[in-house]
PDB file of all heavy atoms in Angstrom:
ATOM      1  N   THR A   1      26.311  88.443  90.349  1.00  0.00           N
ATOM      2  CA  THR A   1      25.275  87.415  90.326  1.00  0.00           C
ATOM      3  C   THR A   1      25.222  86.695  91.680  1.00  0.00           C
ATOM      4  O   THR A   1      24.108  86.483  92.232  1.00  0.00           O
ATOM      5  CB  THR A   1      25.476  86.393  89.197  1.00  0.00           C
ATOM      6  OG1 THR A   1      25.650  87.091  87.984  1.00  0.00           O
ATOM      7  CG2 THR A   1      24.354  85.441  89.129  1.00  0.00           C
ATOM      8  N   THR A   2      26.340  86.298  92.224  1.00  0.00           N
ATOM      9  CA  THR A   2      26.328  85.557  93.465  1.00  0.00           C
ATOM     10  C   THR A   2      25.682  86.385  94.607  1.00  0.00           C
ATOM     11  O   THR A   2      24.928  85.862  95.388  1.00  0.00           O
ATOM     12  CB  THR A   2      27.739  85.107  93.839  1.00  0.00           C
ATOM     13  OG1 THR A   2      28.235  84.242  92.840  1.00  0.00           O
ATOM     14  CG2 THR A   2      27.770  84.363  95.140  1.00  0.00           C
ATOM     15  N   ARG A   3      26.035  87.648  94.705  1.00  0.00           N
ATOM     16  CA  ARG A   3      25.533  88.502  95.779  1.00  0.00           C
ATOM     17  C   ARG A   3      24.012  88.638  95.627  1.00  0.00           C
ATOM     18  O   ARG A   3      23.265  88.668  96.612  1.00  0.00           O
ATOM     19  CB  ARG A   3      26.172  89.893  95.724  1.00  0.00           C
ATOM     20  CG  ARG A   3      27.597  89.841  96.276  1.00  0.00           C
ATOM     21  CD  ARG A   3      28.077  91.314  96.487  1.00  0.00           C
ATOM     22  NE  ARG A   3      29.359  91.371  97.091  1.00  0.00           N
ATOM     23  CZ  ARG A   3      29.975  92.443  97.472  1.00  0.00           C
ATOM     24  NH1 ARG A   3      29.388  93.671  97.320  1.00  0.00           N
ATOM     25  NH2 ARG A   3      31.198  92.472  98.001  1.00  0.00           N
ATOM     26  N   VAL A   4      23.522  88.739  94.434  1.00  0.00           N
ATOM     27  CA  VAL A   4      22.140  88.963  94.214  1.00  0.00           C
ATOM     28  C   VAL A   4      21.352  87.698  94.652  1.00  0.00           C
ATOM     29  O   VAL A   4      20.341  87.780  95.381  1.00  0.00           O
ATOM     30  CB  VAL A   4      21.813  89.253  92.739  1.00  0.00           C
ATOM     31  CG1 VAL A   4      20.310  89.150  92.459  1.00  0.00           C
ATOM     32  CG2 VAL A   4      22.362  90.594  92.333  1.00  0.00           C
ATOM     33  N   LEU A   5      21.816  86.542  94.223  1.00  0.00           N
ATOM     34  CA  LEU A   5      21.094  85.276  94.553  1.00  0.00           C
ATOM     35  C   LEU A   5      21.166  84.977  96.041  1.00  0.00           C
ATOM     36  O   LEU A   5      20.162  84.572  96.633  1.00  0.00           O
ATOM     37  CB  LEU A   5      21.644  84.139  93.648  1.00  0.00           C
ATOM     38  CG  LEU A   5      21.254  84.248  92.197  1.00  0.00           C
ATOM     39  CD1 LEU A   5      22.031  83.212  91.416  1.00  0.00           C
ATOM     40  CD2 LEU A   5      19.776  84.077  91.972  1.00  0.00           C
ATOM     41  N   THR A   6      22.334  85.098  96.613  1.00  0.00           N
ATOM     42  CA  THR A   6      22.424  84.762  98.056  1.00  0.00           C
ATOM     43  C   THR A   6      21.684  85.754  98.854  1.00  0.00           C
ATOM     44  O   THR A   6      21.107  85.409  99.934  1.00  0.00           O
ATOM     45  CB  THR A   6      23.924  84.736  98.506  1.00  0.00           C
ATOM     46  OG1 THR A   6      24.555  86.014  98.096  1.00  0.00           O
ATOM     47  CG2 THR A   6      24.700  83.561  97.869  1.00  0.00           C
ATOM     48  N   ALA A   7      21.624  87.008  98.457  1.00  0.00           N
ATOM     49  CA  ALA A   7      20.840  88.034  99.169  1.00  0.00           C
ATOM     50  C   ALA A   7      19.345  87.665  99.121  1.00  0.00           C
ATOM     51  O   ALA A   7      18.642  87.791 100.155  1.00  0.00           O
ATOM     52  CB  ALA A   7      21.044  89.413  98.585  1.00  0.00           C
ATOM     53  N   ASP A   8      18.843  87.182  97.991  1.00  0.00           N
ATOM     54  CA  ASP A   8      17.485  86.798  97.921  1.00  0.00           C
ATOM     55  C   ASP A   8      17.178  85.691  98.931  1.00  0.00           C
ATOM     56  O   ASP A   8      16.131  85.699  99.594  1.00  0.00           O
ATOM     57  CB  ASP A   8      17.151  86.293  96.491  1.00  0.00           C
ATOM     58  CG  ASP A   8      16.753  87.399  95.557  1.00  0.00           C
ATOM     59  OD1 ASP A   8      16.524  88.562  96.035  1.00  0.00           O
ATOM     60  OD2 ASP A   8      16.609  87.164  94.353  1.00  0.00           O
ATOM     61  N   GLY A   9      18.134  84.710  99.004  1.00  0.00           N
ATOM     62  CA  GLY A   9      17.935  83.637  99.959  1.00  0.00           C
ATOM     63  C   GLY A   9      17.969  84.096 101.397  1.00  0.00           C
ATOM     64  O   GLY A   9      17.112  83.656 102.192  1.00  0.00           O
ATOM     65  N   VAL A  10      18.947  84.913 101.751  1.00  0.00           N
ATOM     66  CA  VAL A  10      19.074  85.404 103.148  1.00  0.00           C
ATOM     67  C   VAL A  10      17.832  86.246 103.533  1.00  0.00           C
ATOM     68  O   VAL A  10      17.292  86.103 104.665  1.00  0.00           O
ATOM     69  CB  VAL A  10      20.347  86.201 103.312  1.00  0.00           C
ATOM     70  CG1 VAL A  10      20.400  86.834 104.672  1.00  0.00           C
ATOM     71  CG2 VAL A  10      21.564  85.301 103.144  1.00  0.00           C
ATOM     72  N   ILE A  11      17.452  87.154 102.663  1.00  0.00           N
ATOM     73  CA  ILE A  11      16.284  88.064 102.956  1.00  0.00           C
ATOM     74  C   ILE A  11      15.018  87.256 103.030  1.00  0.00           C
ATOM     75  O   ILE A  11      14.208  87.568 103.914  1.00  0.00           O
ATOM     76  CB  ILE A  11      16.181  89.175 101.909  1.00  0.00           C
ATOM     77  CG1 ILE A  11      17.412  90.139 102.011  1.00  0.00           C
ATOM     78  CG2 ILE A  11      14.949  89.936 102.021  1.00  0.00           C
ATOM     79  CD1 ILE A  11      17.551  91.093 100.860  1.00  0.00           C
ATOM     80  N   SER A  12      14.813  86.262 102.184  1.00  0.00           N
ATOM     81  CA  SER A  12      13.653  85.438 102.269  1.00  0.00           C
ATOM     82  C   SER A  12      13.624  84.649 103.588  1.00  0.00           C
ATOM     83  O   SER A  12      12.572  84.456 104.200  1.00  0.00           O
ATOM     84  CB  SER A  12      13.629  84.403 101.101  1.00  0.00           C
ATOM     85  OG  SER A  12      13.532  85.120  99.814  1.00  0.00           O
ATOM     86  N   LEU A  13      14.794  84.183 104.037  1.00  0.00           N
ATOM     87  CA  LEU A  13      14.908  83.435 105.240  1.00  0.00           C
ATOM     88  C   LEU A  13      14.530  84.349 106.437  1.00  0.00           C
ATOM     89  O   LEU A  13      13.809  83.890 107.338  1.00  0.00           O
ATOM     90  CB  LEU A  13      16.318  82.904 105.455  1.00  0.00           C
ATOM     91  CG  LEU A  13      16.538  82.021 106.631  1.00  0.00           C
ATOM     92  CD1 LEU A  13      15.714  80.757 106.579  1.00  0.00           C
ATOM     93  CD2 LEU A  13      18.046  81.615 106.710  1.00  0.00           C
ATOM     94  N   ILE A  14      14.944  85.626 106.443  1.00  0.00           N
ATOM     95  CA  ILE A  14      14.619  86.537 107.561  1.00  0.00           C
ATOM     96  C   ILE A  14      13.101  86.742 107.537  1.00  0.00           C
ATOM     97  O   ILE A  14      12.496  86.683 108.587  1.00  0.00           O
ATOM     98  CB  ILE A  14      15.367  87.885 107.334  1.00  0.00           C
ATOM     99  CG1 ILE A  14      16.876  87.675 107.563  1.00  0.00           C
ATOM    100  CG2 ILE A  14      14.851  88.903 108.302  1.00  0.00           C
ATOM    101  CD1 ILE A  14      17.707  88.873 107.180  1.00  0.00           C
ATOM    102  N   GLY A  15      12.513  86.996 106.334  1.00  0.00           N
ATOM    103  CA  GLY A  15      11.076  87.195 106.333  1.00  0.00           C
ATOM    104  C   GLY A  15      10.319  85.948 106.768  1.00  0.00           C
ATOM    105  O   GLY A  15       9.327  86.078 107.518  1.00  0.00           O
ATOM    106  N   CYS A  16      10.856  84.770 106.398  1.00  0.00           N
ATOM    107  CA  CYS A  16      10.180  83.538 106.830  1.00  0.00           C
ATOM    108  C   CYS A  16      10.228  83.381 108.315  1.00  0.00           C
ATOM    109  O   CYS A  16       9.209  82.980 108.965  1.00  0.00           O
ATOM    110  CB  CYS A  16      10.881  82.362 106.103  1.00  0.00           C
ATOM    111  SG  CYS A  16      10.568  80.765 106.731  1.00  0.00           S
ATOM    112  N   CYS A  17      11.342  83.665 108.954  1.00  0.00           N
ATOM    113  CA  CYS A  17      11.496  83.481 110.374  1.00  0.00           C
ATOM    114  C   CYS A  17      10.649  84.485 111.168  1.00  0.00           C
ATOM    115  O   CYS A  17      10.406  84.269 112.364  1.00  0.00           O
ATOM    116  CB  CYS A  17      12.997  83.694 110.796  1.00  0.00           C
ATOM    117  SG  CYS A  17      14.020  82.389 110.241  1.00  0.00           S
ATOM    118  N   LEU A  18      10.091  85.529 110.504  1.00  0.00           N
ATOM    119  CA  LEU A  18       9.222  86.487 111.139  1.00  0.00           C
ATOM    120  C   LEU A  18       7.704  86.210 110.799  1.00  0.00           C
ATOM    121  O   LEU A  18       6.867  86.874 111.320  1.00  0.00           O
ATOM    122  CB  LEU A  18       9.581  87.944 110.710  1.00  0.00           C
ATOM    123  CG  LEU A  18      10.934  88.415 111.148  1.00  0.00           C
ATOM    124  CD1 LEU A  18      11.202  89.819 110.605  1.00  0.00           C
ATOM    125  CD2 LEU A  18      10.965  88.500 112.716  1.00  0.00           C
ATOM    126  N   GLY A  19       7.478  85.212 109.918  1.00  0.00           N
ATOM    127  CA  GLY A  19       6.115  84.844 109.627  1.00  0.00           C
ATOM    128  C   GLY A  19       5.612  85.076 108.251  1.00  0.00           C
ATOM    129  O   GLY A  19       4.433  84.945 107.971  1.00  0.00           O
ATOM    130  N   ASN A  20       6.543  85.409 107.308  1.00  0.00           N
ATOM    131  CA  ASN A  20       6.109  85.705 105.892  1.00  0.00           C
ATOM    132  C   ASN A  20       6.206  84.407 105.051  1.00  0.00           C
ATOM    133  O   ASN A  20       7.340  83.889 104.871  1.00  0.00           O
ATOM    134  CB  ASN A  20       6.959  86.796 105.287  1.00  0.00           C
ATOM    135  CG  ASN A  20       6.751  86.890 103.801  1.00  0.00           C
ATOM    136  OD1 ASN A  20       5.655  87.088 103.324  1.00  0.00           O
ATOM    137  ND2 ASN A  20       7.879  86.729 103.073  1.00  0.00           N
ATOM    138  N   PRO A  21       5.101  83.947 104.481  1.00  0.00           N
ATOM    139  CA  PRO A  21       5.157  82.631 103.686  1.00  0.00           C
ATOM    140  C   PRO A  21       5.404  82.860 102.189  1.00  0.00           C
ATOM    141  O   PRO A  21       4.981  82.018 101.378  1.00  0.00           O
ATOM    142  CB  PRO A  21       3.822  82.060 103.908  1.00  0.00           C
ATOM    143  CG  PRO A  21       2.900  83.202 104.015  1.00  0.00           C
ATOM    144  CD  PRO A  21       3.707  84.332 104.640  1.00  0.00           C
ATOM    145  N   PHE A  22       5.967  83.974 101.847  1.00  0.00           N
ATOM    146  CA  PHE A  22       6.183  84.285 100.429  1.00  0.00           C
ATOM    147  C   PHE A  22       7.706  84.629 100.153  1.00  0.00           C
ATOM    148  O   PHE A  22       8.317  85.381 100.923  1.00  0.00           O
ATOM    149  CB  PHE A  22       5.340  85.494  99.930  1.00  0.00           C
ATOM    150  CG  PHE A  22       3.905  85.263 100.199  1.00  0.00           C
ATOM    151  CD1 PHE A  22       3.245  85.923 101.250  1.00  0.00           C
ATOM    152  CD2 PHE A  22       3.161  84.445  99.360  1.00  0.00           C
ATOM    153  CE1 PHE A  22       1.869  85.690 101.485  1.00  0.00           C
ATOM    154  CE2 PHE A  22       1.829  84.273  99.559  1.00  0.00           C
ATOM    155  CZ  PHE A  22       1.179  84.834 100.656  1.00  0.00           C
ATOM    156  N   ILE A  23       8.260  84.086  99.063  1.00  0.00           N
ATOM    157  CA  ILE A  23       9.702  84.210  98.766  1.00  0.00           C
ATOM    158  C   ILE A  23       9.945  85.568  98.184  1.00  0.00           C
ATOM    159  O   ILE A  23       9.111  86.167  97.536  1.00  0.00           O
ATOM    160  CB  ILE A  23      10.101  83.076  97.787  1.00  0.00           C
ATOM    161  CG1 ILE A  23      11.612  82.823  97.856  1.00  0.00           C
ATOM    162  CG2 ILE A  23       9.634  83.396  96.408  1.00  0.00           C
ATOM    163  CD1 ILE A  23      12.044  81.869  98.862  1.00  0.00           C
ATOM    164  N   ASN A  24      11.168  86.088  98.462  1.00  0.00           N
ATOM    165  CA  ASN A  24      11.632  87.287  97.844  1.00  0.00           C
ATOM    166  C   ASN A  24      12.400  87.025  96.580  1.00  0.00           C
ATOM    167  O   ASN A  24      13.028  85.939  96.461  1.00  0.00           O
ATOM    168  CB  ASN A  24      12.569  88.067  98.838  1.00  0.00           C
ATOM    169  CG  ASN A  24      12.967  89.405  98.310  1.00  0.00           C
ATOM    170  OD1 ASN A  24      12.142  90.313  98.280  1.00  0.00           O
ATOM    171  ND2 ASN A  24      14.250  89.578  97.852  1.00  0.00           N
ATOM    172  N   ALA A  25      12.268  87.890  95.575  1.00  0.00           N
ATOM    173  CA  ALA A  25      12.876  87.696  94.274  1.00  0.00           C
ATOM    174  C   ALA A  25      13.227  88.998  93.657  1.00  0.00           C
ATOM    175  O   ALA A  25      12.575  90.003  93.812  1.00  0.00           O
ATOM    176  CB  ALA A  25      11.980  86.854  93.363  1.00  0.00           C
ATOM    177  N   VAL A  26      14.357  88.999  92.857  1.00  0.00           N
ATOM    178  CA  VAL A  26      14.663  90.079  91.963  1.00  0.00           C
ATOM    179  C   VAL A  26      13.565  90.107  90.893  1.00  0.00           C
ATOM    180  O   VAL A  26      13.225  89.073  90.281  1.00  0.00           O
ATOM    181  CB  VAL A  26      16.017  89.989  91.331  1.00  0.00           C
ATOM    182  CG1 VAL A  26      16.243  91.039  90.279  1.00  0.00           C
ATOM    183  CG2 VAL A  26      17.089  90.124  92.394  1.00  0.00           C
ATOM    184  N   TYR A  27      13.003  91.251  90.638  1.00  0.00           N
ATOM    185  CA  TYR A  27      11.867  91.366  89.649  1.00  0.00           C
ATOM    186  C   TYR A  27      12.317  91.519  88.222  1.00  0.00           C
ATOM    187  O   TYR A  27      13.399  92.092  87.957  1.00  0.00           O
ATOM    188  CB  TYR A  27      11.005  92.533  90.012  1.00  0.00           C
ATOM    189  CG  TYR A  27       9.914  92.265  91.062  1.00  0.00           C
ATOM    190  CD1 TYR A  27       9.019  93.288  91.421  1.00  0.00           C
ATOM    191  CD2 TYR A  27       9.708  91.009  91.593  1.00  0.00           C
ATOM    192  CE1 TYR A  27       8.007  93.063  92.328  1.00  0.00           C
ATOM    193  CE2 TYR A  27       8.756  90.751  92.524  1.00  0.00           C
ATOM    194  CZ  TYR A  27       7.927  91.822  92.949  1.00  0.00           C
ATOM    195  OH  TYR A  27       6.880  91.564  93.867  1.00  0.00           O
ATOM    196  N   ILE A  28      11.461  91.087  87.352  1.00  0.00           N
ATOM    197  CA  ILE A  28      11.496  91.488  85.930  1.00  0.00           C
ATOM    198  C   ILE A  28      11.318  93.043  85.872  1.00  0.00           C
ATOM    199  O   ILE A  28      10.529  93.596  86.711  1.00  0.00           O
ATOM    200  CB  ILE A  28      10.356  90.830  85.203  1.00  0.00           C
ATOM    201  CG1 ILE A  28      10.714  89.383  84.909  1.00  0.00           C
ATOM    202  CG2 ILE A  28      10.033  91.558  83.832  1.00  0.00           C
ATOM    203  CD1 ILE A  28       9.581  88.611  84.184  1.00  0.00           C
ATOM    204  N   GLY A  29      11.948  93.761  85.029  1.00  0.00           N
ATOM    205  CA  GLY A  29      11.567  95.101  84.850  1.00  0.00           C
ATOM    206  C   GLY A  29      12.676  96.188  85.037  1.00  0.00           C
ATOM    207  O   GLY A  29      12.437  97.349  84.854  1.00  0.00           O
ATOM    208  N   HIS A  30      13.893  95.721  85.337  1.00  0.00           N
ATOM    209  CA  HIS A  30      14.981  96.731  85.534  1.00  0.00           C
ATOM    210  C   HIS A  30      15.103  97.732  84.349  1.00  0.00           C
ATOM    211  O   HIS A  30      15.169  98.918  84.578  1.00  0.00           O
ATOM    212  CB  HIS A  30      16.307  95.978  85.809  1.00  0.00           C
ATOM    213  CG  HIS A  30      17.505  96.894  85.781  1.00  0.00           C
ATOM    214  ND1 HIS A  30      18.127  97.313  84.622  1.00  0.00           N
ATOM    215  CD2 HIS A  30      18.211  97.549  86.767  1.00  0.00           C
ATOM    216  CE1 HIS A  30      19.141  98.099  84.868  1.00  0.00           C
ATOM    217  NE2 HIS A  30      19.213  98.248  86.152  1.00  0.00           N
TER     218      HIS A  30
END
């Protein structure tokens, strides 16, 4: 769980720093 959530935060931060205004998330549907 910790790796999944922190990864979402880190990846969202990278996207944000490049200009993406949308958050990354683990999806429903596995």
